[in-house]
Protein backbone atom coordinates (compact mmCIF):
# COMPACT_ATOMS: atom_id res chain seq x y z
CA MET A 1 -0.03 0.01 0.01
CA SER A 2 2.91 2.40 0.72
CA SER A 3 3.81 2.49 -2.92
CA GLN A 4 0.24 3.37 -4.10
CA LYS A 5 -0.12 6.44 -5.99
CA LEU A 6 -3.23 8.58 -6.85
CA SER A 7 -5.12 7.67 -10.00
CA LEU A 8 -5.48 10.40 -12.60
CA HIS A 9 -9.21 10.65 -11.54
CA ASN A 10 -8.39 11.15 -7.94
CA LEU A 11 -5.45 13.51 -8.65
CA ILE A 12 -7.83 15.85 -10.56
CA PHE A 13 -10.30 15.47 -7.74
CA ILE A 14 -7.71 16.74 -5.24
CA GLY A 15 -6.48 19.45 -7.58
CA MET A 16 -10.12 20.71 -7.94
CA MET A 17 -10.65 20.55 -4.14
CA LEU A 18 -7.50 22.61 -3.67
CA PHE A 19 -8.46 25.23 -6.31
CA GLY A 20 -11.95 25.34 -4.62
CA LEU A 21 -10.28 26.12 -1.23
CA PHE A 22 -8.07 28.66 -2.81
CA PHE A 23 -10.40 30.59 -4.93
CA GLY A 24 -12.57 32.70 -2.94
CA ALA A 25 -13.86 36.37 -2.81
CA GLY A 26 -10.64 38.03 -3.05
CA ASN A 27 -9.64 36.05 -5.94
CA LEU A 28 -12.52 37.37 -7.86
CA ILE A 29 -12.21 41.19 -7.18
CA PHE A 30 -8.34 41.63 -6.93
CA PRO A 31 -7.45 40.56 -10.41
CA VAL A 32 -10.24 42.64 -11.72
CA PHE A 33 -8.98 45.67 -9.81
CA VAL A 34 -5.45 45.07 -10.98
CA GLY A 35 -6.60 44.96 -14.69
CA GLN A 36 -8.58 48.20 -14.21
CA GLN A 37 -5.73 50.08 -12.51
CA ALA A 38 -2.92 48.80 -14.80
CA GLY A 39 -4.89 49.64 -18.08
CA THR A 40 -2.57 49.48 -20.95
CA ASN A 41 0.21 48.09 -18.63
CA TYR A 42 -1.85 45.01 -18.16
CA TRP A 43 0.70 42.41 -19.12
CA PRO A 44 3.55 43.39 -16.83
CA ALA A 45 1.11 43.95 -13.93
CA MET A 46 -0.62 40.72 -14.48
CA ILE A 47 2.65 38.82 -14.70
CA GLY A 48 3.69 40.33 -11.40
CA PHE A 49 0.25 39.43 -9.88
CA LEU A 50 0.56 35.80 -11.14
CA ILE A 51 4.02 35.41 -9.63
CA SER A 52 2.64 36.15 -6.16
CA GLY A 53 -0.98 35.05 -6.59
CA VAL A 54 -0.24 31.84 -8.42
CA GLY A 55 3.60 30.95 -8.22
CA LEU A 56 3.83 31.49 -4.47
CA PRO A 57 0.82 29.35 -3.64
CA LEU A 58 2.39 26.60 -5.80
CA LEU A 59 5.74 26.92 -4.06
CA GLY A 60 3.94 26.91 -0.69
CA VAL A 61 2.18 23.62 -1.52
CA ALA A 62 5.42 22.27 -2.87
CA ALA A 63 7.41 23.36 0.36
CA ILE A 64 4.90 21.36 2.42
CA GLY A 65 5.25 18.38 0.12
CA ILE A 66 9.12 18.55 -0.30
CA THR A 67 9.89 18.93 3.47
CA LYS A 68 7.21 16.29 4.21
CA SER A 69 5.74 18.60 6.82
CA GLU A 70 2.30 18.08 8.28
CA GLY A 71 1.65 21.69 8.02
CA VAL A 72 2.81 25.27 8.63
CA PHE A 73 3.58 24.69 12.22
CA GLN A 74 5.94 21.96 11.47
CA LEU A 75 7.64 23.91 8.76
CA ALA A 76 8.07 27.02 10.83
CA GLN A 77 9.71 25.03 13.74
CA ARG A 78 12.83 24.94 11.65
CA VAL A 79 13.25 28.56 12.82
CA SER A 80 12.36 27.78 16.46
CA ARG A 81 9.33 26.22 18.31
CA PRO A 82 8.21 29.57 19.88
CA TYR A 83 8.40 31.36 16.44
CA ALA A 84 6.34 28.50 15.01
CA TYR A 85 3.59 29.08 17.49
CA VAL A 86 3.64 32.78 17.04
CA PHE A 87 3.72 32.63 13.13
CA THR A 88 1.17 29.87 12.79
CA VAL A 89 -1.43 31.58 15.24
CA LEU A 90 -0.90 34.94 13.40
CA LEU A 91 -1.23 33.32 10.01
CA TYR A 92 -4.51 31.54 10.81
CA LEU A 93 -5.97 34.44 12.46
CA CYS A 94 -5.13 36.47 9.38
CA ILE A 95 -6.67 34.11 6.85
CA GLY A 96 -9.36 33.05 9.39
CA PRO A 97 -11.51 35.04 11.88
CA LEU A 98 -9.75 38.43 11.60
CA PHE A 99 -9.66 39.20 7.79
CA ALA A 100 -10.16 36.42 5.19
CA LEU A 101 -13.32 34.99 6.68
CA PRO A 102 -15.09 38.30 7.33
CA ARG A 103 -14.13 39.41 3.81
CA LEU A 104 -15.85 36.25 2.36
CA ALA A 105 -19.14 37.46 3.74
CA SER A 106 -18.67 41.14 3.15
CA ILE A 107 -17.66 40.78 -0.54
CA SER A 108 -20.34 38.12 -1.24
CA PHE A 109 -23.02 40.46 0.14
CA GLU A 110 -21.72 43.76 -1.30
CA VAL A 111 -21.04 42.24 -4.86
CA GLY A 112 -23.89 39.74 -5.04
CA LEU A 113 -26.84 40.69 -2.95
CA SER A 114 -26.69 44.50 -2.20
CA PRO A 115 -28.32 45.34 -5.65
CA PHE A 116 -31.43 43.43 -4.43
CA VAL A 117 -31.44 45.10 -1.00
CA ASP A 118 -32.94 48.59 -0.35
CA SER A 119 -30.29 51.23 0.27
CA HIS A 120 -31.80 51.91 3.77
CA GLN A 121 -31.61 48.25 4.69
CA GLN A 122 -27.95 47.50 3.68
CA THR A 123 -26.60 47.36 7.09
CA PHE A 124 -29.25 45.08 8.42
CA GLY A 125 -29.16 42.95 5.34
CA LEU A 126 -25.46 42.43 5.78
CA LEU A 127 -25.83 41.44 9.40
CA VAL A 128 -28.56 38.91 8.49
CA TYR A 129 -26.71 37.55 5.46
CA SER A 130 -23.40 37.13 7.47
CA ILE A 131 -25.13 35.20 10.34
CA LEU A 132 -26.66 32.82 7.73
CA PHE A 133 -23.46 32.51 5.69
CA PHE A 134 -21.27 31.62 8.76
CA LEU A 135 -23.97 29.43 10.01
CA LEU A 136 -24.11 27.26 6.89
CA ALA A 137 -20.27 27.18 6.59
CA TRP A 138 -20.07 25.97 10.26
CA TRP A 139 -22.68 23.33 9.33
CA PHE A 140 -20.43 21.96 6.55
CA ALA A 141 -17.24 22.20 8.61
CA ARG A 142 -18.53 20.13 11.38
CA LYS A 143 -17.28 16.95 9.31
CA PRO A 144 -13.96 17.80 7.90
CA SER A 145 -13.68 14.20 6.47
CA LYS A 146 -16.46 15.21 3.97
CA ILE A 147 -14.67 18.45 2.72
CA MET A 148 -13.51 16.70 -0.51
CA VAL A 149 -17.14 15.84 -1.30
CA TYR A 150 -18.52 19.30 -0.49
CA VAL A 151 -15.81 21.37 -2.21
CA GLY A 152 -14.30 19.06 -4.88
CA LYS A 153 -17.42 17.41 -6.28
CA PHE A 154 -20.13 19.96 -5.87
CA LEU A 155 -19.29 23.51 -5.05
CA THR A 156 -16.16 23.99 -7.17
CA PRO A 157 -17.79 22.58 -10.41
CA ALA A 158 -20.84 24.81 -9.77
CA PHE A 159 -18.64 27.70 -9.38
CA LEU A 160 -16.70 27.12 -12.60
CA ILE A 161 -19.79 26.67 -14.67
CA LEU A 162 -21.23 30.08 -13.36
CA LEU A 163 -17.84 31.70 -13.92
CA ALA A 164 -17.44 30.38 -17.47
CA ALA A 165 -20.74 32.04 -18.49
CA LEU A 166 -19.27 35.46 -17.54
CA LEU A 167 -15.68 35.02 -18.67
CA LEU A 168 -16.65 33.71 -22.22
CA MET A 169 -18.40 37.17 -22.82
CA VAL A 170 -15.20 38.88 -21.95
CA LEU A 171 -13.53 37.00 -24.81
CA ILE A 172 -16.38 37.03 -27.25
CA LYS A 173 -17.67 40.66 -26.70
CA PRO A 174 -14.87 42.85 -25.13
CA MET A 175 -16.04 46.28 -23.96
CA GLY A 176 -12.76 48.00 -24.70
CA HIS A 177 -8.96 47.71 -24.62
CA GLY A 178 -7.98 49.58 -21.44
CA ALA A 179 -6.89 53.17 -20.55
CA SER A 180 -3.73 54.72 -19.20
CA PRO A 181 -2.33 53.05 -16.09
CA VAL A 182 -2.58 54.94 -12.74
CA GLY A 183 -0.41 55.28 -9.69
CA GLU A 184 2.49 52.75 -9.25
CA TYR A 185 1.14 50.75 -12.26
CA ALA A 186 2.27 53.52 -14.57
CA THR A 187 5.89 53.30 -13.29
CA VAL A 188 6.48 49.92 -11.86
CA PRO A 189 3.70 47.69 -12.93
CA LEU A 190 5.47 44.27 -12.29
CA ALA A 191 6.37 45.03 -8.73
CA THR A 192 3.02 46.70 -7.99
CA GLY A 193 1.18 43.66 -9.51
CA PHE A 194 3.40 41.27 -7.43
CA THR A 195 2.43 43.14 -4.10
CA ALA A 196 -1.18 43.36 -5.26
CA GLY A 197 -1.19 39.49 -5.24
CA TYR A 198 -0.65 39.67 -1.45
CA SER A 199 -4.40 40.48 -1.07
CA THR A 200 -5.46 37.06 -2.37
CA MET A 201 -3.82 35.63 0.68
CA ASP A 202 -3.17 32.46 -1.34
CA ALA A 203 0.53 31.93 -0.29
CA LEU A 204 -0.72 32.04 3.31
CA ALA A 205 -3.54 29.71 2.23
CA ALA A 206 -1.24 27.38 0.71
CA LEU A 207 0.69 26.75 3.94
CA ALA A 208 -2.74 26.63 5.89
CA PHE A 209 -4.43 24.05 3.46
CA GLY A 210 -1.36 21.79 3.37
CA ILE A 211 -2.67 19.63 6.14
CA ILE A 212 -6.07 19.30 4.32
CA VAL A 213 -4.45 18.21 1.11
CA VAL A 214 -2.06 15.79 2.92
CA ASN A 215 -4.91 14.24 4.86
CA ALA A 216 -7.13 14.01 1.73
CA ILE A 217 -4.34 12.12 -0.08
CA ARG A 218 -3.97 9.80 2.91
CA GLN A 219 -7.72 9.05 2.89
CA LEU A 220 -7.39 7.89 -0.65
CA GLY A 221 -4.90 5.23 0.38
CA VAL A 222 -1.53 6.86 -0.16
CA THR A 223 0.69 6.35 2.79
CA SER A 224 4.26 6.85 1.60
CA PRO A 225 5.65 10.21 2.66
CA THR A 226 7.56 10.55 -0.63
CA ARG A 227 4.56 9.61 -2.64
CA ILE A 228 2.36 11.92 -0.61
CA ALA A 229 4.88 14.76 -1.18
CA THR A 230 4.81 14.12 -4.99
CA ASP A 231 1.00 13.96 -5.22
CA THR A 232 0.66 17.03 -3.16
CA ILE A 233 2.75 19.02 -5.65
CA ARG A 234 0.98 17.51 -8.65
CA ALA A 235 -2.47 18.35 -7.24
CA GLY A 236 -1.15 21.86 -6.46
CA SER A 237 0.05 22.28 -9.99
CA ILE A 238 -3.55 21.40 -11.37
CA ALA A 239 -5.13 24.00 -9.00
CA VAL A 240 -2.78 26.97 -9.76
CA ALA A 241 -2.84 26.39 -13.43
CA LEU A 242 -6.62 26.82 -13.41
CA MET A 243 -6.18 29.83 -11.17
CA ALA A 244 -3.59 31.43 -13.56
CA VAL A 245 -6.21 31.14 -16.57
CA ILE A 246 -9.09 32.61 -14.62
CA TYR A 247 -6.95 35.45 -13.12
CA GLY A 248 -5.85 36.44 -16.59
CA LEU A 249 -9.50 36.66 -17.80
CA LEU A 250 -10.62 38.44 -14.73
CA GLY A 251 -7.76 40.89 -15.39
CA LEU A 252 -8.92 41.50 -18.91
CA LEU A 253 -12.50 42.01 -17.68
CA GLY A 254 -11.26 44.86 -15.32
CA ARG A 255 -9.08 46.37 -18.03
CA ASN A 256 -11.80 46.17 -20.70
CA ALA A 257 -14.49 47.48 -18.46
CA LEU A 258 -12.91 50.93 -18.66
CA GLY A 259 -14.32 51.14 -22.15
CA ARG A 260 -17.76 51.65 -20.66
CA PHE A 261 -17.39 52.37 -16.89
CA SER A 262 -15.32 54.54 -14.65
CA ARG A 263 -12.78 53.27 -12.25
CA ALA A 264 -13.96 51.87 -8.82
CA THR A 265 -12.49 51.73 -5.34
CA ASN A 266 -12.35 47.91 -5.69
CA GLY A 267 -13.12 45.15 -8.16
CA GLY A 268 -16.54 44.37 -6.77
CA PRO A 269 -18.55 47.15 -8.28
CA VAL A 270 -16.75 46.53 -11.70
CA LEU A 271 -17.82 42.87 -11.62
CA ALA A 272 -21.40 43.96 -10.89
CA ASN A 273 -21.40 46.47 -13.70
CA VAL A 274 -20.00 44.11 -16.20
CA ALA A 275 -22.29 41.22 -15.34
CA HIS A 276 -25.22 43.47 -15.65
CA ALA A 277 -24.10 45.08 -19.01
CA TYR A 278 -23.70 41.54 -20.54
CA PHE A 279 -26.77 39.71 -19.13
CA GLY A 280 -29.16 42.57 -17.88
CA SER A 281 -31.00 41.55 -14.62
CA PHE A 282 -30.04 38.02 -15.08
CA GLY A 283 -26.36 39.08 -14.70
CA ASN A 284 -27.11 40.33 -11.07
CA ILE A 285 -28.51 36.87 -10.30
CA LEU A 286 -25.62 35.13 -11.89
CA LEU A 287 -22.99 37.16 -10.15
CA ALA A 288 -24.93 36.62 -6.67
CA LEU A 289 -24.62 32.90 -7.17
CA LEU A 290 -21.14 33.19 -8.37
CA VAL A 291 -19.80 35.00 -5.39
CA ILE A 292 -21.85 33.22 -2.79
CA VAL A 293 -20.60 29.72 -4.03
CA ALA A 294 -17.01 31.09 -4.40
CA CYS A 295 -17.01 32.48 -0.74
CA LEU A 296 -18.91 29.58 0.83
CA LYS A 297 -16.46 26.80 -0.42
CA THR A 298 -13.49 28.82 0.78
CA ALA A 299 -15.10 29.63 4.17
CA ILE A 300 -15.63 25.92 4.73
CA GLY A 301 -11.92 25.08 3.98
CA LEU A 302 -10.76 28.05 6.13
CA ILE A 303 -12.98 27.16 9.18
CA THR A 304 -11.85 23.52 8.75
CA ALA A 305 -8.18 24.33 8.55
CA PHE A 306 -8.50 26.67 11.52
CA GLY A 307 -10.08 23.90 13.67
CA ASP A 308 -7.58 21.20 12.64
CA THR A 309 -4.67 23.33 13.21
CA PHE A 310 -5.51 24.83 16.50
CA LYS A 311 -6.61 21.43 17.85
CA GLU A 312 -3.00 20.16 17.14
CA LEU A 313 -1.37 23.37 18.68
CA PHE A 314 -3.29 23.32 21.85
CA ALA A 315 -4.07 19.82 23.09
CA ARG A 316 -7.00 20.83 25.32
CA ALA A 317 -8.79 22.63 22.52
CA SER A 318 -11.81 21.05 21.10
CA TYR A 319 -12.55 20.97 17.32
CA PRO A 320 -16.30 21.62 17.66
CA TRP A 321 -15.68 24.73 19.91
CA LEU A 322 -12.77 25.99 17.62
CA ILE A 323 -14.91 25.92 14.58
CA ILE A 324 -17.74 27.71 16.54
CA PHE A 325 -15.23 30.47 17.29
CA ALA A 326 -13.95 30.65 13.81
CA SER A 327 -17.57 31.06 12.53
CA ALA A 328 -18.80 33.50 15.07
CA ALA A 329 -15.94 35.85 15.48
CA PRO A 330 -15.94 36.96 11.87
CA LEU A 331 -19.40 38.39 12.33
CA LEU A 332 -18.04 41.40 13.94
CA PHE A 333 -15.56 42.39 11.26
CA ALA A 334 -17.72 41.40 8.29
CA ASN A 335 -20.06 44.09 9.26
CA ILE A 336 -17.66 47.14 9.13
CA GLY A 337 -17.71 47.50 5.47
CA LEU A 338 -15.52 46.15 2.69
CA ASP A 339 -13.33 49.20 2.11
CA ARG A 340 -12.45 49.58 5.66
CA LEU A 341 -11.93 45.79 6.07
CA LEU A 342 -9.40 45.94 3.16
CA ALA A 343 -7.70 49.14 4.56
CA PHE A 344 -6.94 47.43 7.82
CA SER A 345 -5.97 44.05 6.43
CA THR A 346 -3.54 45.25 3.85
CA PRO A 347 -0.74 46.42 6.35
CA LEU A 348 -0.83 43.05 8.23
CA LEU A 349 -0.52 41.33 4.86
CA TYR A 350 2.55 43.41 3.97
CA PHE A 351 4.09 42.26 7.29
CA ILE A 352 3.19 38.71 7.25
CA TYR A 353 3.79 37.94 3.56
CA PRO A 354 7.53 38.39 3.62
CA LEU A 355 7.76 36.06 6.54
CA ALA A 356 5.66 33.54 4.67
CA ILE A 357 7.62 33.95 1.37
CA THR A 358 10.91 33.50 2.99
CA LEU A 359 9.78 30.36 4.97
CA ILE A 360 8.38 28.76 1.78
CA LEU A 361 11.69 29.44 -0.17
CA MET A 362 13.82 28.23 2.68
CA GLY A 363 11.76 25.04 2.87
CA LEU A 364 12.33 24.52 -0.90
CA LEU A 365 16.02 25.18 -0.65
CA THR A 366 16.59 22.51 2.11
CA ARG A 367 17.33 20.13 -0.74
CA PHE A 368 20.26 22.21 -1.86
CA LEU A 369 21.43 23.92 1.33
CA GLY A 370 20.52 21.38 4.01
CA GLU A 371 18.28 21.92 6.99
CA SER A 372 20.63 24.13 9.25
CA ARG A 373 18.73 26.21 11.69
CA TRP A 374 21.26 29.11 11.17
CA LEU A 375 19.77 29.56 7.74
CA PHE A 376 16.13 29.66 8.76
CA VAL A 377 16.93 31.80 11.80
CA THR A 378 19.11 34.42 10.02
CA VAL A 379 16.82 34.81 7.09
CA THR A 380 13.83 35.23 9.30
CA VAL A 381 15.61 37.88 11.67
CA PHE A 382 16.92 39.84 8.70
CA THR A 383 13.23 39.81 7.25
CA VAL A 384 11.36 40.89 10.32
CA ILE A 385 12.17 44.55 10.71
CA PRO A 386 11.82 45.39 6.98
CA ALA A 387 8.51 43.60 6.96
CA VAL A 388 7.38 45.78 9.90
CA LEU A 389 8.23 48.78 7.92
CA ASP A 390 6.45 47.55 4.84
CA GLY A 391 3.38 46.97 6.95
CA LEU A 392 3.59 50.50 8.42
CA ASN A 393 4.02 51.92 4.98
CA ALA A 394 0.85 50.18 3.88
CA LEU A 395 -1.23 51.94 6.62
CA PRO A 396 -3.71 54.53 5.47
CA ALA A 397 -1.93 57.85 4.81
CA THR A 398 -3.93 59.53 7.62
CA LEU A 399 -1.94 57.39 10.07
CA HIS A 400 1.49 58.43 8.69
CA HIS A 401 2.43 60.87 11.58
CA GLY A 402 4.61 60.76 14.60
CA TRP A 403 6.85 57.75 15.23
CA ILE A 404 5.49 56.18 12.26
CA VAL A 405 6.96 58.80 9.91
CA SER A 406 10.33 58.59 11.70
CA LEU A 407 10.43 54.75 11.11
CA LEU A 408 9.39 55.08 7.48
CA HIS A 409 12.36 57.35 6.87
CA LEU A 410 14.46 54.41 7.56
CA GLY A 411 12.66 52.41 4.99
CA GLN A 412 13.91 54.78 2.32
CA PHE A 413 17.34 53.22 2.39
CA LEU A 414 15.86 49.83 1.46
CA PRO A 415 15.65 48.93 -2.36
CA GLY A 416 12.07 48.29 -3.34
CA PHE A 417 10.53 49.84 -0.22
CA SER A 418 8.17 52.13 -2.04
CA VAL A 419 6.33 49.11 -3.52
CA GLY A 420 6.46 46.92 -0.47
CA LEU A 421 9.49 44.99 -1.26
CA GLY A 422 11.83 46.45 1.22
CA TRP A 423 12.39 43.03 2.74
CA THR A 424 14.05 41.34 -0.36
CA VAL A 425 17.71 42.66 0.01
CA PRO A 426 17.87 42.11 3.85
CA ALA A 427 16.48 38.60 3.33
CA LEU A 428 19.34 37.83 0.82
CA ILE A 429 21.83 39.16 3.35
CA GLY A 430 20.41 36.99 5.95
CA LEU A 431 20.70 33.97 3.68
CA LEU A 432 24.32 34.78 3.11
CA VAL A 433 25.08 35.33 6.79
CA GLY A 434 23.18 32.12 7.70
CA TRP A 435 25.24 30.17 5.18
CA ILE A 436 28.43 31.47 6.39
CA LEU A 437 27.58 30.60 10.07
CA SER A 438 26.34 27.16 8.98
CA PHE A 439 29.63 26.57 7.08
CA SER A 440 31.70 27.74 10.09
CA ALA A 441 29.67 25.33 12.34
CA GLY A 442 30.28 22.33 9.98
CA GLU A 443 26.62 22.02 9.25
CA ILE A 444 27.23 22.73 5.40
CA ARG A 445 29.95 21.11 3.40
């Protein structure tokens, strides 16, 4: 049995499940917004977006597979056990109750259902909807062993059918061919598209969903660690290939929409306008079904992953109570409004993403550099402070005063700081220092 591998049917099944877990609300609206902002600089901006929105998630899945880790906690322990606890808890709070889960409810309501709700009842409507949304997600998450069936067999195919109807119109009947790029997209579209991909949270989700994929593969009879690692990477490749195609088309939708509609503050209104323009009133219904299904399947995965991981981290924790918390806590944040939620979540993403990226890359490099703790520790230490500065720089401009401004002046000495990449050079220096220390200690030959 240990040599068994997944059949092609089951491999596609796992890949579709992983795609379904990845592709939620943010994956719909952020590539649309990138396409709209980039305009005629669509290609370099979208390439940057795909590197972080597709490439990094694949590397994250690969890191879990190659290192044969059970999940992000085991991978982060290569830095230190205390760091693993802090990083894992922060990551799961970020993609769970604090930001990603609330965003799923607020986006699916504002994009899909708000056109059907009276303007005076929007606040109450969002409250009622978010309660029903998280109640349903909790109901499905009660049985994590069934997540392959819920997401892989039913919700993901339904989502893809609905999305195909909209994206085919983008190709058949384009509304325009873009306008001039704005902001950083006019000068550094590749780097700006790369950091825009942070908002999908998929590199973080890749680390979080690793345990779900590994368990799903085991349930299908694969027990060899090496075979599990290989099948994890193969399934991840299927998922991210499908994501790349859809991201590209959604970016075109956003770019071409400028031929008929003005720019919006996020991709949600753009999707609503385009769906209505192509299909009339039916377009609003189509979009509502699309975003609700997209958000529900991802919510089920995030709640399940949160419960599974925190149960492992804290022995006394109970899975039923953990998923109740992960389903109830987002209600508070879901009702503060989408724009405000995005404004507060972006700085944290700019802080945690560099730590996730370096952890993923160091996991992949273990095959070449070994597993010396010096390497993991020095890269992480050299990344933390620039990541803090990147996070502060991403705060709303109204908060850039006092001690924050003083710290941001330090960031100006870091290459790439203006576009959220100030951590890259320090991380490379940390890798070099770690290699020298490891070599001196005889851990690398």
